[in-house]
Amino acid sequence: MIKVFVMDTCPDCTQVKQQLSSNPQYQLIDIGEHVRNLKAFLHLRDRHPAFDAVKAHGSIGIPCFVMEDGRVVFSADEVVIDNSAEGAACSIDGKGC
């Protein structure tokens, strides 16, 4: 499961939350919802080297996608978001009609 750190008041997180809210492959973790979520994010942010460039630019680093292999990415463009059910397309390869 891919963990996605977001925050309700973050404009960049709004679209991500809408896209992923009903997708069981993603665990949305709102860092503003509970201090435990904030602590988990800060623990990751303080230790993972992917945040070095983010912090150097003065950014927070959300939305933040923690991939199953441990990679951290900051753009939904780097994550394949598949909202279609398997076999939903009418072609044999499942890629379209």
PDB file of N, CA and C in Angstrom:
ATOM      1  N   MET A   1       0.850  -1.178   0.000  1.00  0.00           N
ATOM      2  CA  MET A   1       0.000   0.000   0.000  1.00  0.00           C
ATOM      3  C   MET A   1       0.894   1.238   0.000  1.00  0.00           C
ATOM      4  N   ILE A   2       0.529   2.209  -0.787  1.00  0.00           N
ATOM      5  CA  ILE A   2       1.265   3.467  -0.856  1.00  0.00           C
ATOM      6  C   ILE A   2       0.676   4.430   0.169  1.00  0.00           C
ATOM      7  N   LYS A   3       1.537   4.983   1.017  1.00  0.00           N
ATOM      8  CA  LYS A   3       1.105   5.980   1.993  1.00  0.00           C
ATOM      9  C   LYS A   3       1.223   7.354   1.356  1.00  0.00           C
ATOM     10  N   VAL A   4       0.204   8.176   1.569  1.00  0.00           N
ATOM     11  CA  VAL A   4       0.197   9.521   1.011  1.00  0.00           C
ATOM     12  C   VAL A   4      -0.055  10.505   2.150  1.00  0.00           C
ATOM     13  N   PHE A   5       0.971  11.298   2.464  1.00  0.00           N
ATOM     14  CA  PHE A   5       0.831  12.326   3.493  1.00  0.00           C
ATOM     15  C   PHE A   5       0.271  13.584   2.838  1.00  0.00           C
ATOM     16  N   VAL A   6      -0.829  14.084   3.382  1.00  0.00           N
ATOM     17  CA  VAL A   6      -1.520  15.259   2.865  1.00  0.00           C
ATOM     18  C   VAL A   6      -1.965  16.118   4.050  1.00  0.00           C
ATOM     19  N   MET A   7      -2.570  17.264   3.713  1.00  0.00           N
ATOM     20  CA  MET A   7      -3.166  18.116   4.737  1.00  0.00           C
ATOM     21  C   MET A   7      -4.342  18.850   4.115  1.00  0.00           C
ATOM     22  N   ASP A   8      -5.451  18.905   4.838  1.00  0.00           N
ATOM     23  CA  ASP A   8      -6.676  19.530   4.321  1.00  0.00           C
ATOM     24  C   ASP A   8      -6.464  20.954   3.827  1.00  0.00           C
ATOM     25  N   THR A   9      -5.626  21.704   4.490  1.00  0.00           N
ATOM     26  CA  THR A   9      -5.451  23.114   4.131  1.00  0.00           C
ATOM     27  C   THR A   9      -4.372  23.327   3.068  1.00  0.00           C
ATOM     28  N   CYS A  10      -3.810  22.270   2.527  1.00  0.00           N
ATOM     29  CA  CYS A  10      -2.780  22.358   1.498  1.00  0.00           C
ATOM     30  C   CYS A  10      -3.433  22.328   0.120  1.00  0.00           C
ATOM     31  N   PRO A  11      -3.318  23.413  -0.653  1.00  0.00           N
ATOM     32  CA  PRO A  11      -3.942  23.448  -1.983  1.00  0.00           C
ATOM     33  C   PRO A  11      -3.425  22.348  -2.912  1.00  0.00           C
ATOM     34  N   ASP A  12      -2.154  21.989  -2.790  1.00  0.00           N
ATOM     35  CA  ASP A  12      -1.593  20.949  -3.651  1.00  0.00           C
ATOM     36  C   ASP A  12      -2.144  19.564  -3.313  1.00  0.00           C
ATOM     37  N   CYS A  13      -2.639  19.400  -2.103  1.00  0.00           N
ATOM     38  CA  CYS A  13      -3.142  18.099  -1.662  1.00  0.00           C
ATOM     39  C   CYS A  13      -4.592  17.852  -2.065  1.00  0.00           C
ATOM     40  N   THR A  14      -5.325  18.901  -2.376  1.00  0.00           N
ATOM     41  CA  THR A  14      -6.760  18.782  -2.653  1.00  0.00           C
ATOM     42  C   THR A  14      -7.054  17.818  -3.791  1.00  0.00           C
ATOM     43  N   GLN A  15      -6.391  17.993  -4.917  1.00  0.00           N
ATOM     44  CA  GLN A  15      -6.628  17.134  -6.072  1.00  0.00           C
ATOM     45  C   GLN A  15      -6.195  15.696  -5.787  1.00  0.00           C
ATOM     46  N   VAL A  16      -5.074  15.550  -5.116  1.00  0.00           N
ATOM     47  CA  VAL A  16      -4.573  14.220  -4.776  1.00  0.00           C
ATOM     48  C   VAL A  16      -5.594  13.489  -3.901  1.00  0.00           C
ATOM     49  N   LYS A  17      -6.119  14.174  -2.895  1.00  0.00           N
ATOM     50  CA  LYS A  17      -7.107  13.557  -2.009  1.00  0.00           C
ATOM     51  C   LYS A  17      -8.355  13.147  -2.784  1.00  0.00           C
ATOM     52  N   GLN A  18      -8.807  13.980  -3.715  1.00  0.00           N
ATOM     53  CA  GLN A  18      -9.996  13.654  -4.502  1.00  0.00           C
ATOM     54  C   GLN A  18      -9.746  12.423  -5.373  1.00  0.00           C
ATOM     55  N   GLN A  19      -8.573  12.348  -5.972  1.00  0.00           N
ATOM     56  CA  GLN A  19      -8.258  11.222  -6.848  1.00  0.00           C
ATOM     57  C   GLN A  19      -8.142   9.908  -6.089  1.00  0.00           C
ATOM     58  N   LEU A  20      -7.621   9.962  -4.892  1.00  0.00           N
ATOM     59  CA  LEU A  20      -7.265   8.732  -4.195  1.00  0.00           C
ATOM     60  C   LEU A  20      -8.214   8.319  -3.078  1.00  0.00           C
ATOM     61  N   SER A  21      -9.166   9.153  -2.723  1.00  0.00           N
ATOM     62  CA  SER A  21      -9.994   8.890  -1.547  1.00  0.00           C
ATOM     63  C   SER A  21     -10.738   7.557  -1.593  1.00  0.00           C
ATOM     64  N   SER A  22     -11.102   7.093  -2.758  1.00  0.00           N
ATOM     65  CA  SER A  22     -11.845   5.835  -2.837  1.00  0.00           C
ATOM     66  C   SER A  22     -10.996   4.697  -3.403  1.00  0.00           C
ATOM     67  N   ASN A  23      -9.691   4.895  -3.476  1.00  0.00           N
ATOM     68  CA  ASN A  23      -8.809   3.874  -4.024  1.00  0.00           C
ATOM     69  C   ASN A  23      -8.115   3.139  -2.872  1.00  0.00           C
ATOM     70  N   PRO A  24      -8.405   1.857  -2.692  1.00  0.00           N
ATOM     71  CA  PRO A  24      -7.853   1.115  -1.556  1.00  0.00           C
ATOM     72  C   PRO A  24      -6.345   0.847  -1.644  1.00  0.00           C
ATOM     73  N   GLN A  25      -5.714   1.187  -2.759  1.00  0.00           N
ATOM     74  CA  GLN A  25      -4.266   0.987  -2.898  1.00  0.00           C
ATOM     75  C   GLN A  25      -3.478   2.068  -2.166  1.00  0.00           C
ATOM     76  N   TYR A  26      -4.168   3.106  -1.711  1.00  0.00           N
ATOM     77  CA  TYR A  26      -3.505   4.257  -1.100  1.00  0.00           C
ATOM     78  C   TYR A  26      -4.059   4.512   0.286  1.00  0.00           C
ATOM     79  N   GLN A  27      -3.155   4.807   1.207  1.00  0.00           N
ATOM     80  CA  GLN A  27      -3.554   5.185   2.559  1.00  0.00           C
ATOM     81  C   GLN A  27      -3.307   6.679   2.705  1.00  0.00           C
ATOM     82  N   LEU A  28      -4.389   7.458   2.754  1.00  0.00           N
ATOM     83  CA  LEU A  28      -4.279   8.898   2.930  1.00  0.00           C
ATOM     84  C   LEU A  28      -4.071   9.201   4.405  1.00  0.00           C
ATOM     85  N   ILE A  29      -3.018   9.945   4.704  1.00  0.00           N
ATOM     86  CA  ILE A  29      -2.704  10.302   6.082  1.00  0.00           C
ATOM     87  C   ILE A  29      -2.671  11.824   6.167  1.00  0.00           C
ATOM     88  N   ASP A  30      -3.690  12.404   6.788  1.00  0.00           N
ATOM     89  CA  ASP A  30      -3.781  13.856   6.924  1.00  0.00           C
ATOM     90  C   ASP A  30      -2.977  14.276   8.151  1.00  0.00           C
ATOM     91  N   ILE A  31      -1.887  15.016   7.932  1.00  0.00           N
ATOM     92  CA  ILE A  31      -0.995  15.385   9.034  1.00  0.00           C
ATOM     93  C   ILE A  31      -1.610  16.431   9.958  1.00  0.00           C
ATOM     94  N   GLY A  32      -2.691  17.063   9.541  1.00  0.00           N
ATOM     95  CA  GLY A  32      -3.366  18.037  10.383  1.00  0.00           C
ATOM     96  C   GLY A  32      -4.501  17.439  11.199  1.00  0.00           C
ATOM     97  N   GLU A  33      -4.799  16.187  10.928  1.00  0.00           N
ATOM     98  CA  GLU A  33      -5.927  15.528  11.589  1.00  0.00           C
ATOM     99  C   GLU A  33      -5.605  15.087  13.015  1.00  0.00           C
ATOM    100  N   HIS A  34      -4.375  14.644  13.238  1.00  0.00           N
ATOM    101  CA  HIS A  34      -3.989  14.157  14.565  1.00  0.00           C
ATOM    102  C   HIS A  34      -2.490  14.314  14.733  1.00  0.00           C
ATOM    103  N   VAL A  35      -2.067  14.600  15.931  1.00  0.00           N
ATOM    104  CA  VAL A  35      -0.645  14.800  16.202  1.00  0.00           C
ATOM    105  C   VAL A  35       0.170  13.544  15.880  1.00  0.00           C
ATOM    106  N   ARG A  36      -0.429  12.381  16.008  1.00  0.00           N
ATOM    107  CA  ARG A  36       0.280  11.128  15.680  1.00  0.00           C
ATOM    108  C   ARG A  36       0.648  11.098  14.193  1.00  0.00           C
ATOM    109  N   ASN A  37      -0.228  11.618  13.334  1.00  0.00           N
ATOM    110  CA  ASN A  37       0.056  11.682  11.893  1.00  0.00           C
ATOM    111  C   ASN A  37       1.177  12.677  11.605  1.00  0.00           C
ATOM    112  N   LEU A  38       1.137  13.805  12.285  1.00  0.00           N
ATOM    113  CA  LEU A  38       2.180  14.808  12.129  1.00  0.00           C
ATOM    114  C   LEU A  38       3.532  14.252  12.564  1.00  0.00           C
ATOM    115  N   LYS A  39       3.552  13.538  13.685  1.00  0.00           N
ATOM    116  CA  LYS A  39       4.799  12.941  14.177  1.00  0.00           C
ATOM    117  C   LYS A  39       5.358  11.932  13.182  1.00  0.00           C
ATOM    118  N   ALA A  40       4.491  11.116  12.587  1.00  0.00           N
ATOM    119  CA  ALA A  40       4.939  10.123  11.601  1.00  0.00           C
ATOM    120  C   ALA A  40       5.552  10.818  10.389  1.00  0.00           C
ATOM    121  N   PHE A  41       4.917  11.906   9.944  1.00  0.00           N
ATOM    122  CA  PHE A  41       5.446  12.652   8.801  1.00  0.00           C
ATOM    123  C   PHE A  41       6.785  13.307   9.160  1.00  0.00           C
ATOM    124  N   LEU A  42       6.861  13.948  10.310  1.00  0.00           N
ATOM    125  CA  LEU A  42       8.101  14.609  10.717  1.00  0.00           C
ATOM    126  C   LEU A  42       9.243  13.614  10.892  1.00  0.00           C
ATOM    127  N   HIS A  43       8.929  12.438  11.399  1.00  0.00           N
ATOM    128  CA  HIS A  43       9.934  11.383  11.532  1.00  0.00           C
ATOM    129  C   HIS A  43      10.505  11.036  10.153  1.00  0.00           C
ATOM    130  N   LEU A  44       9.627  10.872   9.185  1.00  0.00           N
ATOM    131  CA  LEU A  44      10.052  10.581   7.808  1.00  0.00           C
ATOM    132  C   LEU A  44      10.837  11.755   7.234  1.00  0.00           C
ATOM    133  N   ARG A  45      10.315  12.956   7.382  1.00  0.00           N
ATOM    134  CA  ARG A  45      10.927  14.162   6.811  1.00  0.00           C
ATOM    135  C   ARG A  45      12.314  14.442   7.402  1.00  0.00           C
ATOM    136  N   ASP A  46      12.480  14.159   8.673  1.00  0.00           N
ATOM    137  CA  ASP A  46      13.770  14.405   9.328  1.00  0.00           C
ATOM    138  C   ASP A  46      14.841  13.407   8.923  1.00  0.00           C
ATOM    139  N   ARG A  47      14.426  12.234   8.421  1.00  0.00           N
ATOM    140  CA  ARG A  47      15.393  11.165   8.185  1.00  0.00           C
ATOM    141  C   ARG A  47      15.599  10.779   6.721  1.00  0.00           C
ATOM    142  N   HIS A  48      14.614  10.981   5.863  1.00  0.00           N
ATOM    143  CA  HIS A  48      14.715  10.512   4.477  1.00  0.00           C
ATOM    144  C   HIS A  48      15.429  11.548   3.605  1.00  0.00           C
ATOM    145  N   PRO A  49      16.442  11.117   2.863  1.00  0.00           N
ATOM    146  CA  PRO A  49      17.212  12.059   2.034  1.00  0.00           C
ATOM    147  C   PRO A  49      16.414  12.715   0.907  1.00  0.00           C
ATOM    148  N   ALA A  50      15.278  12.153   0.539  1.00  0.00           N
ATOM    149  CA  ALA A  50      14.461  12.770  -0.515  1.00  0.00           C
ATOM    150  C   ALA A  50      13.967  14.155  -0.108  1.00  0.00           C
ATOM    151  N   PHE A  51      13.920  14.417   1.186  1.00  0.00           N
ATOM    152  CA  PHE A  51      13.435  15.708   1.671  1.00  0.00           C
ATOM    153  C   PHE A  51      14.513  16.794   1.688  1.00  0.00           C
ATOM    154  N   ASP A  52      15.762  16.445   1.443  1.00  0.00           N
ATOM    155  CA  ASP A  52      16.842  17.431   1.496  1.00  0.00           C
ATOM    156  C   ASP A  52      16.584  18.606   0.556  1.00  0.00           C
ATOM    157  N   ALA A  53      16.238  18.318  -0.691  1.00  0.00           N
ATOM    158  CA  ALA A  53      15.976  19.384  -1.663  1.00  0.00           C
ATOM    159  C   ALA A  53      14.713  20.162  -1.306  1.00  0.00           C
ATOM    160  N   VAL A  54      13.712  19.456  -0.800  1.00  0.00           N
ATOM    161  CA  VAL A  54      12.451  20.097  -0.410  1.00  0.00           C
ATOM    162  C   VAL A  54      12.708  21.115   0.701  1.00  0.00           C
ATOM    163  N   LYS A  55      13.456  20.687   1.712  1.00  0.00           N
ATOM    164  CA  LYS A  55      13.755  21.579   2.838  1.00  0.00           C
ATOM    165  C   LYS A  55      14.647  22.735   2.408  1.00  0.00           C
ATOM    166  N   ALA A  56      15.559  22.499   1.468  1.00  0.00           N
ATOM    167  CA  ALA A  56      16.447  23.555   0.981  1.00  0.00           C
ATOM    168  C   ALA A  56      15.662  24.671   0.292  1.00  0.00           C
ATOM    169  N   HIS A  57      14.502  24.324  -0.278  1.00  0.00           N
ATOM    170  CA  HIS A  57      13.648  25.322  -0.928  1.00  0.00           C
ATOM    171  C   HIS A  57      12.630  25.933   0.026  1.00  0.00           C
ATOM    172  N   GLY A  58      12.661  25.501   1.282  1.00  0.00           N
ATOM    173  CA  GLY A  58      11.726  26.043   2.270  1.00  0.00           C
ATOM    174  C   GLY A  58      10.335  25.458   2.176  1.00  0.00           C
ATOM    175  N   SER A  59      10.194  24.333   1.502  1.00  0.00           N
ATOM    176  CA  SER A  59       8.889  23.685   1.358  1.00  0.00           C
ATOM    177  C   SER A  59       8.674  22.653   2.457  1.00  0.00           C
ATOM    178  N   ILE A  60       7.437  22.248   2.615  1.00  0.00           N
ATOM    179  CA  ILE A  60       7.081  21.255   3.627  1.00  0.00           C
ATOM    180  C   ILE A  60       7.325  19.842   3.118  1.00  0.00           C
ATOM    181  N   GLY A  61       6.901  19.586   1.880  1.00  0.00           N
ATOM    182  CA  GLY A  61       7.066  18.258   1.307  1.00  0.00           C
ATOM    183  C   GLY A  61       5.784  17.453   1.243  1.00  0.00           C
ATOM    184  N   ILE A  62       4.643  18.152   1.141  1.00  0.00           N
ATOM    185  CA  ILE A  62       3.377  17.458   0.936  1.00  0.00           C
ATOM    186  C   ILE A  62       2.737  18.011  -0.331  1.00  0.00           C
ATOM    187  N   PRO A  63       1.994  17.208  -1.040  1.00  0.00           N
ATOM    188  CA  PRO A  63       1.749  15.804  -0.772  1.00  0.00           C
ATOM    189  C   PRO A  63       3.032  14.995  -0.914  1.00  0.00           C
ATOM    190  N   CYS A  64       3.099  13.942  -0.153  1.00  0.00           N
ATOM    191  CA  CYS A  64       4.269  13.068  -0.115  1.00  0.00           C
ATOM    192  C   CYS A  64       3.798  11.630  -0.279  1.00  0.00           C
ATOM    193  N   PHE A  65       4.330  10.964  -1.284  1.00  0.00           N
ATOM    194  CA  PHE A  65       3.968   9.582  -1.575  1.00  0.00           C
ATOM    195  C   PHE A  65       5.100   8.668  -1.118  1.00  0.00           C
ATOM    196  N   VAL A  66       4.807   7.780  -0.197  1.00  0.00           N
ATOM    197  CA  VAL A  66       5.794   6.798   0.260  1.00  0.00           C
ATOM    198  C   VAL A  66       5.446   5.483  -0.430  1.00  0.00           C
ATOM    199  N   MET A  67       6.275   5.139  -1.401  1.00  0.00           N
ATOM    200  CA  MET A  67       6.024   3.958  -2.212  1.00  0.00           C
ATOM    201  C   MET A  67       6.293   2.691  -1.404  1.00  0.00           C
ATOM    202  N   GLU A  68       5.788   1.578  -1.886  1.00  0.00           N
ATOM    203  CA  GLU A  68       5.940   0.311  -1.173  1.00  0.00           C
ATOM    204  C   GLU A  68       7.397  -0.103  -1.034  1.00  0.00           C
ATOM    205  N   ASP A  69       8.260   0.354  -1.958  1.00  0.00           N
ATOM    206  CA  ASP A  69       9.684   0.005  -1.882  1.00  0.00           C
ATOM    207  C   ASP A  69      10.485   1.003  -1.042  1.00  0.00           C
ATOM    208  N   GLY A  70       9.791   1.978  -0.418  1.00  0.00           N
ATOM    209  CA  GLY A  70      10.451   2.945   0.452  1.00  0.00           C
ATOM    210  C   GLY A  70      10.824   4.257  -0.225  1.00  0.00           C
ATOM    211  N   ARG A  71      10.717   4.323  -1.555  1.00  0.00           N
ATOM    212  CA  ARG A  71      10.992   5.582  -2.246  1.00  0.00           C
ATOM    213  C   ARG A  71       9.973   6.628  -1.818  1.00  0.00           C
ATOM    214  N   VAL A  72      10.426   7.877  -1.837  1.00  0.00           N
ATOM    215  CA  VAL A  72       9.545   8.996  -1.520  1.00  0.00           C
ATOM    216  C   VAL A  72       9.511   9.915  -2.731  1.00  0.00           C
ATOM    217  N   VAL A  73       8.311  10.227  -3.202  1.00  0.00           N
ATOM    218  CA  VAL A  73       8.137  11.155  -4.316  1.00  0.00           C
ATOM    219  C   VAL A  73       7.120  12.210  -3.907  1.00  0.00           C
ATOM    220  N   PHE A  74       7.183  13.341  -4.593  1.00  0.00           N
ATOM    221  CA  PHE A  74       6.358  14.483  -4.193  1.00  0.00           C
ATOM    222  C   PHE A  74       5.354  14.917  -5.246  1.00  0.00           C
ATOM    223  N   SER A  75       5.292  14.210  -6.338  1.00  0.00           N
ATOM    224  CA  SER A  75       4.386  14.585  -7.411  1.00  0.00           C
ATOM    225  C   SER A  75       3.528  13.399  -7.813  1.00  0.00           C
ATOM    226  N   ALA A  76       2.250  13.637  -7.988  1.00  0.00           N
ATOM    227  CA  ALA A  76       1.349  12.578  -8.443  1.00  0.00           C
ATOM    228  C   ALA A  76       1.743  12.111  -9.838  1.00  0.00           C
ATOM    229  N   ASP A  77       2.459  12.955 -10.573  1.00  0.00           N
ATOM    230  CA  ASP A  77       2.919  12.567 -11.912  1.00  0.00           C
ATOM    231  C   ASP A  77       3.900  11.405 -11.857  1.00  0.00           C
ATOM    232  N   GLU A  78       4.550  11.220 -10.715  1.00  0.00           N
ATOM    233  CA  GLU A  78       5.521  10.142 -10.555  1.00  0.00           C
ATOM    234  C   GLU A  78       4.886   8.860 -10.016  1.00  0.00           C
ATOM    235  N   VAL A  79       3.585   8.900  -9.778  1.00  0.00           N
ATOM    236  CA  VAL A  79       2.866   7.759  -9.222  1.00  0.00           C
ATOM    237  C   VAL A  79       1.796   7.352 -10.227  1.00  0.00           C
ATOM    238  N   VAL A  80       1.722   6.062 -10.511  1.00  0.00           N
ATOM    239  CA  VAL A  80       0.677   5.567 -11.399  1.00  0.00           C
ATOM    240  C   VAL A  80      -0.583   5.402 -10.561  1.00  0.00           C
ATOM    241  N   ILE A  81      -1.574   6.216 -10.859  1.00  0.00           N
ATOM    242  CA  ILE A  81      -2.841   6.161 -10.136  1.00  0.00           C
ATOM    243  C   ILE A  81      -3.846   5.463 -11.040  1.00  0.00           C
ATOM    244  N   ASP A  82      -4.178   4.250 -10.685  1.00  0.00           N
ATOM    245  CA  ASP A  82      -5.086   3.454 -11.495  1.00  0.00           C
ATOM    246  C   ASP A  82      -6.424   3.375 -10.787  1.00  0.00           C
ATOM    247  N   ASN A  83      -7.387   4.152 -11.267  1.00  0.00           N
ATOM    248  CA  ASN A  83      -8.722   4.159 -10.663  1.00  0.00           C
ATOM    249  C   ASN A  83      -9.688   3.224 -11.377  1.00  0.00           C
ATOM    250  N   SER A  84      -9.223   2.551 -12.421  1.00  0.00           N
ATOM    251  CA  SER A  84     -10.121   1.679 -13.164  1.00  0.00           C
ATOM    252  C   SER A  84     -10.074   0.271 -12.591  1.00  0.00           C
ATOM    253  N   ALA A  85     -11.191  -0.369 -12.598  1.00  0.00           N
ATOM    254  CA  ALA A  85     -11.246  -1.754 -12.152  1.00  0.00           C
ATOM    255  C   ALA A  85     -10.622  -2.630 -13.225  1.00  0.00           C
ATOM    256  N   GLU A  86     -10.002  -3.719 -12.807  1.00  0.00           N
ATOM    257  CA  GLU A  86      -9.375  -4.619 -13.759  1.00  0.00           C
ATOM    258  C   GLU A  86     -10.415  -5.140 -14.729  1.00  0.00           C
ATOM    259  N   GLY A  87     -10.090  -5.084 -16.026  1.00  0.00           N
ATOM    260  CA  GLY A  87     -11.004  -5.565 -17.053  1.00  0.00           C
ATOM    261  C   GLY A  87     -12.111  -4.589 -17.378  1.00  0.00           C
ATOM    262  N   ALA A  88     -12.034  -3.369 -16.871  1.00  0.00           N
ATOM    263  CA  ALA A  88     -13.091  -2.390 -17.110  1.00  0.00           C
ATOM    264  C   ALA A  88     -13.117  -1.921 -18.560  1.00  0.00           C
ATOM    265  N   ALA A  89     -11.979  -1.958 -19.238  1.00  0.00           N
ATOM    266  CA  ALA A  89     -11.925  -1.546 -20.641  1.00  0.00           C
ATOM    267  C   ALA A  89     -12.461  -2.691 -21.500  1.00  0.00           C
ATOM    268  N   CYS A  90     -12.918  -2.343 -22.711  1.00  0.00           N
ATOM    269  CA  CYS A  90     -13.531  -3.374 -23.558  1.00  0.00           C
ATOM    270  C   CYS A  90     -12.526  -4.076 -24.448  1.00  0.00           C
ATOM    271  N   SER A  91     -11.250  -3.674 -24.443  1.00  0.00           N
ATOM    272  CA  SER A  91     -10.261  -4.380 -25.238  1.00  0.00           C
ATOM    273  C   SER A  91      -9.642  -5.511 -24.415  1.00  0.00           C
ATOM    274  N   ILE A  92      -9.064  -6.460 -25.085  1.00  0.00           N
ATOM    275  CA  ILE A  92      -8.479  -7.624 -24.405  1.00  0.00           C
ATOM    276  C   ILE A  92      -7.358  -7.241 -23.477  1.00  0.00           C
ATOM    277  N   ASP A  93      -6.521  -6.253 -23.895  1.00  0.00           N
ATOM    278  CA  ASP A  93      -5.385  -5.868 -23.068  1.00  0.00           C
ATOM    279  C   ASP A  93      -5.778  -4.978 -21.912  1.00  0.00           C
ATOM    280  N   GLY A  94      -7.047  -4.578 -21.818  1.00  0.00           N
ATOM    281  CA  GLY A  94      -7.530  -3.776 -20.706  1.00  0.00           C
ATOM    282  C   GLY A  94      -7.140  -2.311 -20.773  1.00  0.00           C
ATOM    283  N   LYS A  95      -6.632  -1.843 -21.920  1.00  0.00           N
ATOM    284  CA  LYS A  95      -6.141  -0.479 -22.033  1.00  0.00           C
ATOM    285  C   LYS A  95      -7.121   0.493 -22.680  1.00  0.00           C
ATOM    286  N   GLY A  96      -8.214   0.042 -23.141  1.00  0.00           N
ATOM    287  CA  GLY A  96      -9.158   0.965 -23.760  1.00  0.00           C
ATOM    288  C   GLY A  96     -10.149   0.226 -24.633  1.00  0.00           C
ATOM    289  N   CYS A  97     -10.947   0.982 -25.358  1.00  0.00           N
ATOM    290  CA  CYS A  97     -11.970   0.384 -26.214  1.00  0.00           C
ATOM    291  C   CYS A  97     -11.589   0.493 -27.682  1.00  0.00           C
TER     292      CYS A  97
END
